[in-house]
Amino acid sequence: MTVVFDAEPLLAFSFDEPGAAEVESWLDQIYDGKINGYVSTINLAEFRYIAARKTSVDEADAYIDALREMGVNTSDIDELWEAVSGLKTNYALSLGDAYALAAARALDNSEQNVTLLVGADDDYNPFENDEGFNHLIARFRNDAA
């Protein structure tokens, strides 16, 4: 099994926001080697600038180092740009959310059991009702922090 993280769950975990315990459960499974974990480099950039605004660049980088030590890998975006462009053409979602979704779908195409862990972001609402995507989406919380 594989989990792909949007920036929101990683921020919730790092800053002990509502839903952090559920995200921690996913991270524990990654650390224990039970599942694989990924975050696209675009979503990692989102995480870094938001975390840096809340604390500092050094603290944000320390959070990223901790996530990597837990076993969260980065998903290279170079292979995803065309899929992201298609998503942005057909749906109203942020660029970061499009990359998270494209990364999850790309991993899912390789026959893995993939979950895209997202929060209350309504950009994902249309995908919860789309047969091509709904099996990917899992929310760790339904209300914004």
N, C-alpha and C. Protein backbone atom coordinates (compact mmCIF):
# COMPACT_ATOMS: atom_id res chain seq x y z
N MET A 1 0.84 -1.18 0.00
CA MET A 1 0.00 0.00 0.00
C MET A 1 0.88 1.24 0.00
N THR A 2 0.35 2.29 -0.59
CA THR A 2 1.07 3.56 -0.70
C THR A 2 0.14 4.70 -0.31
N VAL A 3 0.67 5.66 0.41
CA VAL A 3 -0.06 6.88 0.70
C VAL A 3 0.70 8.05 0.10
N VAL A 4 -0.05 8.94 -0.55
CA VAL A 4 0.50 10.19 -1.08
C VAL A 4 -0.11 11.30 -0.24
N PHE A 5 0.73 12.20 0.22
CA PHE A 5 0.27 13.29 1.08
C PHE A 5 0.10 14.58 0.31
N ASP A 6 -1.02 15.22 0.52
CA ASP A 6 -1.17 16.63 0.17
C ASP A 6 -0.42 17.39 1.27
N ALA A 7 -0.20 18.67 1.09
CA ALA A 7 0.52 19.45 2.10
C ALA A 7 -0.28 19.56 3.41
N GLU A 8 -1.60 19.67 3.32
CA GLU A 8 -2.43 19.91 4.51
C GLU A 8 -2.24 18.86 5.61
N PRO A 9 -2.27 17.56 5.32
CA PRO A 9 -2.07 16.61 6.41
C PRO A 9 -0.69 16.70 7.06
N LEU A 10 0.33 16.99 6.27
CA LEU A 10 1.66 17.10 6.84
C LEU A 10 1.78 18.33 7.74
N LEU A 11 1.11 19.40 7.35
CA LEU A 11 1.08 20.59 8.19
C LEU A 11 0.30 20.32 9.47
N ALA A 12 -0.82 19.63 9.35
CA ALA A 12 -1.62 19.30 10.53
C ALA A 12 -0.81 18.47 11.52
N PHE A 13 -0.08 17.50 11.02
CA PHE A 13 0.77 16.68 11.88
C PHE A 13 1.85 17.53 12.53
N SER A 14 2.55 18.31 11.75
CA SER A 14 3.69 19.08 12.25
C SER A 14 3.30 20.13 13.27
N PHE A 15 2.08 20.67 13.14
CA PHE A 15 1.65 21.75 14.03
C PHE A 15 0.54 21.31 14.97
N ASP A 16 0.37 19.98 15.12
CA ASP A 16 -0.59 19.40 16.06
C ASP A 16 -1.99 19.99 15.92
N GLU A 17 -2.44 20.09 14.68
CA GLU A 17 -3.77 20.59 14.38
C GLU A 17 -4.78 19.44 14.46
N PRO A 18 -6.08 19.75 14.41
CA PRO A 18 -7.08 18.68 14.39
C PRO A 18 -6.79 17.67 13.27
N GLY A 19 -6.87 16.40 13.62
CA GLY A 19 -6.59 15.33 12.67
C GLY A 19 -5.15 14.86 12.70
N ALA A 20 -4.30 15.50 13.49
CA ALA A 20 -2.88 15.14 13.54
C ALA A 20 -2.67 13.68 13.93
N ALA A 21 -3.50 13.17 14.83
CA ALA A 21 -3.34 11.77 15.27
C ALA A 21 -3.57 10.80 14.12
N GLU A 22 -4.52 11.08 13.25
CA GLU A 22 -4.75 10.20 12.11
C GLU A 22 -3.58 10.24 11.14
N VAL A 23 -3.04 11.43 10.90
CA VAL A 23 -1.88 11.56 10.03
C VAL A 23 -0.70 10.82 10.66
N GLU A 24 -0.54 10.95 11.96
CA GLU A 24 0.54 10.25 12.65
C GLU A 24 0.43 8.74 12.47
N SER A 25 -0.78 8.22 12.46
CA SER A 25 -0.99 6.79 12.23
C SER A 25 -0.46 6.36 10.86
N TRP A 26 -0.72 7.17 9.84
CA TRP A 26 -0.19 6.88 8.51
C TRP A 26 1.34 6.95 8.52
N LEU A 27 1.89 7.97 9.16
CA LEU A 27 3.34 8.14 9.22
C LEU A 27 4.00 6.99 10.00
N ASP A 28 3.35 6.52 11.05
CA ASP A 28 3.88 5.39 11.81
C ASP A 28 3.97 4.14 10.93
N GLN A 29 2.97 3.93 10.09
CA GLN A 29 2.99 2.78 9.19
C GLN A 29 4.13 2.89 8.17
N ILE A 30 4.40 4.11 7.73
CA ILE A 30 5.52 4.33 6.81
C ILE A 30 6.83 4.03 7.54
N TYR A 31 6.97 4.58 8.73
CA TYR A 31 8.18 4.39 9.51
C TYR A 31 8.44 2.91 9.80
N ASP A 32 7.36 2.17 10.07
CA ASP A 32 7.46 0.74 10.37
C ASP A 32 7.66 -0.12 9.12
N GLY A 33 7.65 0.51 7.94
CA GLY A 33 7.86 -0.22 6.70
C GLY A 33 6.64 -0.99 6.20
N LYS A 34 5.48 -0.70 6.76
CA LYS A 34 4.25 -1.40 6.36
C LYS A 34 3.67 -0.84 5.06
N ILE A 35 3.88 0.45 4.83
CA ILE A 35 3.39 1.09 3.61
C ILE A 35 4.46 2.06 3.10
N ASN A 36 4.30 2.50 1.88
CA ASN A 36 5.18 3.51 1.29
C ASN A 36 4.51 4.87 1.39
N GLY A 37 5.30 5.91 1.54
CA GLY A 37 4.77 7.26 1.63
C GLY A 37 5.47 8.20 0.67
N TYR A 38 4.67 9.06 0.03
CA TYR A 38 5.19 10.02 -0.94
C TYR A 38 4.54 11.38 -0.75
N VAL A 39 5.27 12.39 -1.18
CA VAL A 39 4.74 13.74 -1.31
C VAL A 39 5.40 14.32 -2.56
N SER A 40 4.60 14.96 -3.40
CA SER A 40 5.21 15.57 -4.59
C SER A 40 6.06 16.76 -4.16
N THR A 41 7.06 17.07 -4.95
CA THR A 41 7.95 18.17 -4.59
C THR A 41 7.20 19.50 -4.58
N ILE A 42 6.15 19.63 -5.37
CA ILE A 42 5.32 20.85 -5.33
C ILE A 42 4.62 20.96 -3.98
N ASN A 43 4.06 19.84 -3.49
CA ASN A 43 3.38 19.86 -2.20
C ASN A 43 4.38 20.05 -1.07
N LEU A 44 5.59 19.55 -1.25
CA LEU A 44 6.62 19.78 -0.24
C LEU A 44 7.00 21.26 -0.20
N ALA A 45 7.03 21.90 -1.38
CA ALA A 45 7.29 23.35 -1.42
C ALA A 45 6.18 24.10 -0.70
N GLU A 46 4.92 23.68 -0.91
CA GLU A 46 3.80 24.30 -0.19
C GLU A 46 3.99 24.14 1.32
N PHE A 47 4.31 22.92 1.72
CA PHE A 47 4.54 22.66 3.14
C PHE A 47 5.62 23.59 3.69
N ARG A 48 6.73 23.69 2.96
CA ARG A 48 7.87 24.46 3.46
C ARG A 48 7.54 25.94 3.63
N TYR A 49 6.88 26.54 2.63
CA TYR A 49 6.65 27.98 2.78
C TYR A 49 5.59 28.27 3.86
N ILE A 50 4.61 27.40 4.00
CA ILE A 50 3.60 27.62 5.04
C ILE A 50 4.23 27.40 6.41
N ALA A 51 5.00 26.33 6.55
CA ALA A 51 5.67 26.07 7.84
C ALA A 51 6.66 27.18 8.18
N ALA A 52 7.37 27.68 7.19
CA ALA A 52 8.34 28.77 7.43
C ALA A 52 7.63 30.04 7.88
N ARG A 53 6.46 30.30 7.31
CA ARG A 53 5.69 31.49 7.73
C ARG A 53 5.22 31.35 9.17
N LYS A 54 4.90 30.11 9.58
CA LYS A 54 4.42 29.88 10.95
C LYS A 54 5.56 29.89 11.96
N THR A 55 6.76 29.48 11.51
CA THR A 55 7.89 29.38 12.43
C THR A 55 9.10 30.10 11.83
N SER A 56 9.92 29.34 11.13
CA SER A 56 11.09 29.89 10.44
C SER A 56 11.49 28.89 9.35
N VAL A 57 12.37 29.33 8.47
CA VAL A 57 12.86 28.43 7.41
C VAL A 57 13.59 27.25 8.03
N ASP A 58 14.41 27.51 9.05
CA ASP A 58 15.15 26.43 9.70
C ASP A 58 14.21 25.40 10.32
N GLU A 59 13.16 25.89 10.98
CA GLU A 59 12.16 24.97 11.59
C GLU A 59 11.43 24.19 10.51
N ALA A 60 11.07 24.85 9.41
CA ALA A 60 10.38 24.17 8.31
C ALA A 60 11.27 23.06 7.75
N ASP A 61 12.54 23.36 7.57
CA ASP A 61 13.47 22.36 7.06
C ASP A 61 13.65 21.21 8.05
N ALA A 62 13.61 21.51 9.33
CA ALA A 62 13.70 20.45 10.34
C ALA A 62 12.49 19.52 10.26
N TYR A 63 11.30 20.11 10.05
CA TYR A 63 10.10 19.28 9.88
C TYR A 63 10.25 18.38 8.66
N ILE A 64 10.77 18.93 7.56
CA ILE A 64 10.96 18.15 6.33
C ILE A 64 11.97 17.04 6.57
N ASP A 65 13.05 17.33 7.27
CA ASP A 65 14.03 16.30 7.60
C ASP A 65 13.38 15.19 8.42
N ALA A 66 12.54 15.56 9.37
CA ALA A 66 11.86 14.56 10.20
C ALA A 66 10.93 13.68 9.35
N LEU A 67 10.22 14.29 8.42
CA LEU A 67 9.35 13.51 7.53
C LEU A 67 10.16 12.53 6.70
N ARG A 68 11.29 12.98 6.20
CA ARG A 68 12.16 12.09 5.41
C ARG A 68 12.70 10.96 6.27
N GLU A 69 13.07 11.28 7.52
CA GLU A 69 13.57 10.24 8.42
C GLU A 69 12.50 9.20 8.73
N MET A 70 11.23 9.62 8.70
CA MET A 70 10.13 8.68 8.89
C MET A 70 9.91 7.79 7.67
N GLY A 71 10.49 8.20 6.54
CA GLY A 71 10.37 7.38 5.34
C GLY A 71 9.52 7.98 4.24
N VAL A 72 9.09 9.23 4.40
CA VAL A 72 8.31 9.89 3.34
C VAL A 72 9.27 10.27 2.22
N ASN A 73 8.98 9.79 1.03
CA ASN A 73 9.80 10.05 -0.16
C ASN A 73 9.18 11.15 -1.00
N THR A 74 10.00 11.80 -1.79
CA THR A 74 9.45 12.79 -2.71
C THR A 74 9.13 12.12 -4.03
N SER A 75 8.06 12.59 -4.63
CA SER A 75 7.63 12.13 -5.94
C SER A 75 8.02 13.21 -6.94
N ASP A 76 8.89 12.86 -7.87
CA ASP A 76 9.39 13.81 -8.85
C ASP A 76 8.25 14.29 -9.74
N ILE A 77 8.21 15.58 -9.99
CA ILE A 77 7.09 16.15 -10.75
C ILE A 77 7.33 16.17 -12.25
N ASP A 78 8.55 15.91 -12.70
CA ASP A 78 8.85 16.02 -14.13
C ASP A 78 7.96 15.14 -15.00
N GLU A 79 7.60 13.98 -14.51
CA GLU A 79 6.77 13.06 -15.29
C GLU A 79 5.29 13.40 -15.22
N LEU A 80 4.91 14.35 -14.37
CA LEU A 80 3.50 14.60 -14.08
C LEU A 80 2.91 15.82 -14.77
N TRP A 81 3.72 16.64 -15.40
CA TRP A 81 3.24 17.94 -15.85
C TRP A 81 2.10 17.83 -16.86
N GLU A 82 2.11 16.84 -17.74
CA GLU A 82 1.02 16.72 -18.71
C GLU A 82 -0.28 16.32 -18.04
N ALA A 83 -0.20 15.37 -17.11
CA ALA A 83 -1.40 14.97 -16.37
C ALA A 83 -1.95 16.14 -15.57
N VAL A 84 -1.06 16.92 -14.96
CA VAL A 84 -1.48 18.09 -14.19
C VAL A 84 -2.16 19.11 -15.10
N SER A 85 -1.60 19.32 -16.25
CA SER A 85 -2.20 20.25 -17.20
C SER A 85 -3.61 19.81 -17.57
N GLY A 86 -3.80 18.52 -17.79
CA GLY A 86 -5.13 18.00 -18.10
C GLY A 86 -6.11 18.20 -16.95
N LEU A 87 -5.64 17.98 -15.73
CA LEU A 87 -6.50 18.19 -14.56
C LEU A 87 -6.89 19.66 -14.44
N LYS A 88 -5.90 20.55 -14.62
CA LYS A 88 -6.18 21.99 -14.52
C LYS A 88 -7.09 22.46 -15.65
N THR A 89 -7.04 21.81 -16.81
CA THR A 89 -7.92 22.17 -17.93
C THR A 89 -9.37 21.83 -17.60
N ASN A 90 -9.57 20.70 -16.94
CA ASN A 90 -10.92 20.18 -16.74
C ASN A 90 -11.52 20.44 -15.36
N TYR A 91 -10.72 20.84 -14.40
CA TYR A 91 -11.20 21.03 -13.03
C TYR A 91 -10.65 22.33 -12.46
N ALA A 92 -11.38 22.90 -11.52
CA ALA A 92 -10.93 24.11 -10.82
C ALA A 92 -10.26 23.67 -9.51
N LEU A 93 -8.96 23.43 -9.56
CA LEU A 93 -8.23 23.07 -8.37
C LEU A 93 -6.87 23.75 -8.42
N SER A 94 -6.24 23.85 -7.26
CA SER A 94 -4.94 24.51 -7.19
C SER A 94 -3.87 23.67 -7.89
N LEU A 95 -2.79 24.30 -8.23
CA LEU A 95 -1.70 23.59 -8.88
C LEU A 95 -1.13 22.51 -7.97
N GLY A 96 -0.97 22.83 -6.69
CA GLY A 96 -0.46 21.84 -5.74
C GLY A 96 -1.39 20.64 -5.62
N ASP A 97 -2.69 20.89 -5.55
CA ASP A 97 -3.65 19.79 -5.45
C ASP A 97 -3.63 18.95 -6.72
N ALA A 98 -3.46 19.59 -7.86
CA ALA A 98 -3.38 18.86 -9.12
C ALA A 98 -2.14 17.95 -9.12
N TYR A 99 -1.02 18.43 -8.59
CA TYR A 99 0.18 17.59 -8.53
C TYR A 99 0.00 16.44 -7.55
N ALA A 100 -0.62 16.68 -6.41
CA ALA A 100 -0.86 15.59 -5.46
C ALA A 100 -1.74 14.51 -6.11
N LEU A 101 -2.79 14.94 -6.78
CA LEU A 101 -3.70 14.00 -7.44
C LEU A 101 -3.00 13.25 -8.57
N ALA A 102 -2.22 13.96 -9.37
CA ALA A 102 -1.50 13.32 -10.47
C ALA A 102 -0.47 12.32 -9.94
N ALA A 103 0.20 12.64 -8.85
CA ALA A 103 1.18 11.71 -8.26
C ALA A 103 0.49 10.45 -7.78
N ALA A 104 -0.65 10.61 -7.10
CA ALA A 104 -1.40 9.44 -6.63
C ALA A 104 -1.87 8.59 -7.79
N ARG A 105 -2.38 9.23 -8.81
CA ARG A 105 -2.88 8.49 -9.97
C ARG A 105 -1.74 7.78 -10.70
N ALA A 106 -0.58 8.41 -10.81
CA ALA A 106 0.56 7.78 -11.47
C ALA A 106 1.01 6.54 -10.70
N LEU A 107 1.05 6.61 -9.39
CA LEU A 107 1.42 5.45 -8.59
C LEU A 107 0.34 4.37 -8.68
N ASP A 108 -0.91 4.78 -8.75
CA ASP A 108 -2.02 3.85 -8.86
C ASP A 108 -1.99 3.11 -10.20
N ASN A 109 -1.52 3.78 -11.25
CA ASN A 109 -1.43 3.15 -12.56
C ASN A 109 -0.44 1.99 -12.57
N SER A 110 0.45 1.97 -11.60
CA SER A 110 1.41 0.87 -11.52
C SER A 110 0.87 -0.25 -10.64
N GLU A 111 -0.47 -0.32 -10.51
CA GLU A 111 -1.17 -1.40 -9.81
C GLU A 111 -0.93 -1.43 -8.30
N GLN A 112 -0.59 -0.30 -7.72
CA GLN A 112 -0.43 -0.24 -6.28
C GLN A 112 -1.75 0.18 -5.65
N ASN A 113 -1.92 -0.18 -4.42
CA ASN A 113 -3.07 0.25 -3.64
C ASN A 113 -2.69 1.62 -3.06
N VAL A 114 -3.23 2.69 -3.65
CA VAL A 114 -2.79 4.05 -3.34
C VAL A 114 -3.92 4.85 -2.70
N THR A 115 -3.55 5.62 -1.69
CA THR A 115 -4.46 6.57 -1.04
C THR A 115 -3.83 7.94 -1.11
N LEU A 116 -4.62 8.93 -1.52
CA LEU A 116 -4.19 10.33 -1.45
C LEU A 116 -4.82 10.91 -0.20
N LEU A 117 -4.01 11.23 0.79
CA LEU A 117 -4.51 11.76 2.05
C LEU A 117 -4.63 13.27 1.95
N VAL A 118 -5.87 13.75 2.10
CA VAL A 118 -6.18 15.17 1.99
C VAL A 118 -6.98 15.60 3.20
N GLY A 119 -7.15 16.91 3.34
CA GLY A 119 -7.93 17.44 4.43
C GLY A 119 -9.27 17.95 3.96
N ALA A 120 -9.65 19.09 4.46
CA ALA A 120 -10.97 19.66 4.19
C ALA A 120 -11.03 20.44 2.88
N ASP A 121 -9.95 20.46 2.14
CA ASP A 121 -9.85 21.22 0.89
C ASP A 121 -10.96 20.82 -0.08
N ASP A 122 -11.81 21.79 -0.44
CA ASP A 122 -12.93 21.46 -1.34
C ASP A 122 -12.52 21.29 -2.79
N ASP A 123 -11.24 21.54 -3.12
CA ASP A 123 -10.76 21.26 -4.48
C ASP A 123 -10.93 19.79 -4.83
N TYR A 124 -10.93 18.93 -3.83
CA TYR A 124 -11.04 17.49 -4.08
C TYR A 124 -12.48 16.99 -4.17
N ASN A 125 -13.45 17.83 -3.85
CA ASN A 125 -14.86 17.40 -3.88
C ASN A 125 -15.28 16.76 -5.20
N PRO A 126 -14.98 17.36 -6.35
CA PRO A 126 -15.42 16.73 -7.61
C PRO A 126 -14.82 15.35 -7.84
N PHE A 127 -13.67 15.09 -7.28
CA PHE A 127 -12.99 13.82 -7.51
C PHE A 127 -13.56 12.70 -6.64
N GLU A 128 -14.24 13.07 -5.56
CA GLU A 128 -14.85 12.05 -4.71
C GLU A 128 -16.03 11.37 -5.41
N ASN A 129 -16.57 12.00 -6.42
CA ASN A 129 -17.69 11.44 -7.17
C ASN A 129 -17.29 10.95 -8.56
N ASP A 130 -16.01 10.97 -8.87
CA ASP A 130 -15.51 10.57 -10.18
C ASP A 130 -14.91 9.17 -10.07
N GLU A 131 -15.43 8.24 -10.84
CA GLU A 131 -14.97 6.85 -10.76
C GLU A 131 -13.49 6.68 -11.02
N GLY A 132 -12.90 7.57 -11.79
CA GLY A 132 -11.48 7.47 -12.07
C GLY A 132 -10.59 7.91 -10.92
N PHE A 133 -11.18 8.60 -9.94
CA PHE A 133 -10.38 9.17 -8.85
C PHE A 133 -10.89 8.82 -7.45
N ASN A 134 -12.18 8.52 -7.31
CA ASN A 134 -12.77 8.43 -5.97
C ASN A 134 -12.11 7.38 -5.08
N HIS A 135 -11.56 6.33 -5.65
CA HIS A 135 -10.88 5.31 -4.84
C HIS A 135 -9.56 5.82 -4.25
N LEU A 136 -9.07 6.93 -4.74
CA LEU A 136 -7.80 7.46 -4.26
C LEU A 136 -7.95 8.36 -3.03
N ILE A 137 -9.07 9.08 -2.94
CA ILE A 137 -9.21 10.15 -1.96
C ILE A 137 -9.60 9.63 -0.57
N ALA A 138 -8.84 10.04 0.44
CA ALA A 138 -9.19 9.78 1.84
C ALA A 138 -8.94 11.09 2.60
N ARG A 139 -9.91 11.47 3.39
CA ARG A 139 -9.79 12.71 4.18
C ARG A 139 -9.42 12.37 5.61
N PHE A 140 -8.45 13.11 6.14
CA PHE A 140 -8.08 12.90 7.54
C PHE A 140 -8.90 13.82 8.46
N ARG A 141 -9.55 14.80 7.88
CA ARG A 141 -10.49 15.67 8.61
C ARG A 141 -11.41 16.30 7.58
N ASN A 142 -12.59 16.71 8.06
CA ASN A 142 -13.60 17.30 7.16
C ASN A 142 -13.77 18.79 7.37
N ASP A 143 -13.21 19.32 8.44
CA ASP A 143 -13.31 20.75 8.72
C ASP A 143 -11.92 21.37 8.72
N ALA A 144 -11.84 22.59 8.22
CA ALA A 144 -10.55 23.29 8.21
C ALA A 144 -10.09 23.54 9.63
N ALA A 145 -8.79 23.61 9.80
CA ALA A 145 -8.22 23.86 11.13
C ALA A 145 -8.43 25.28 11.55
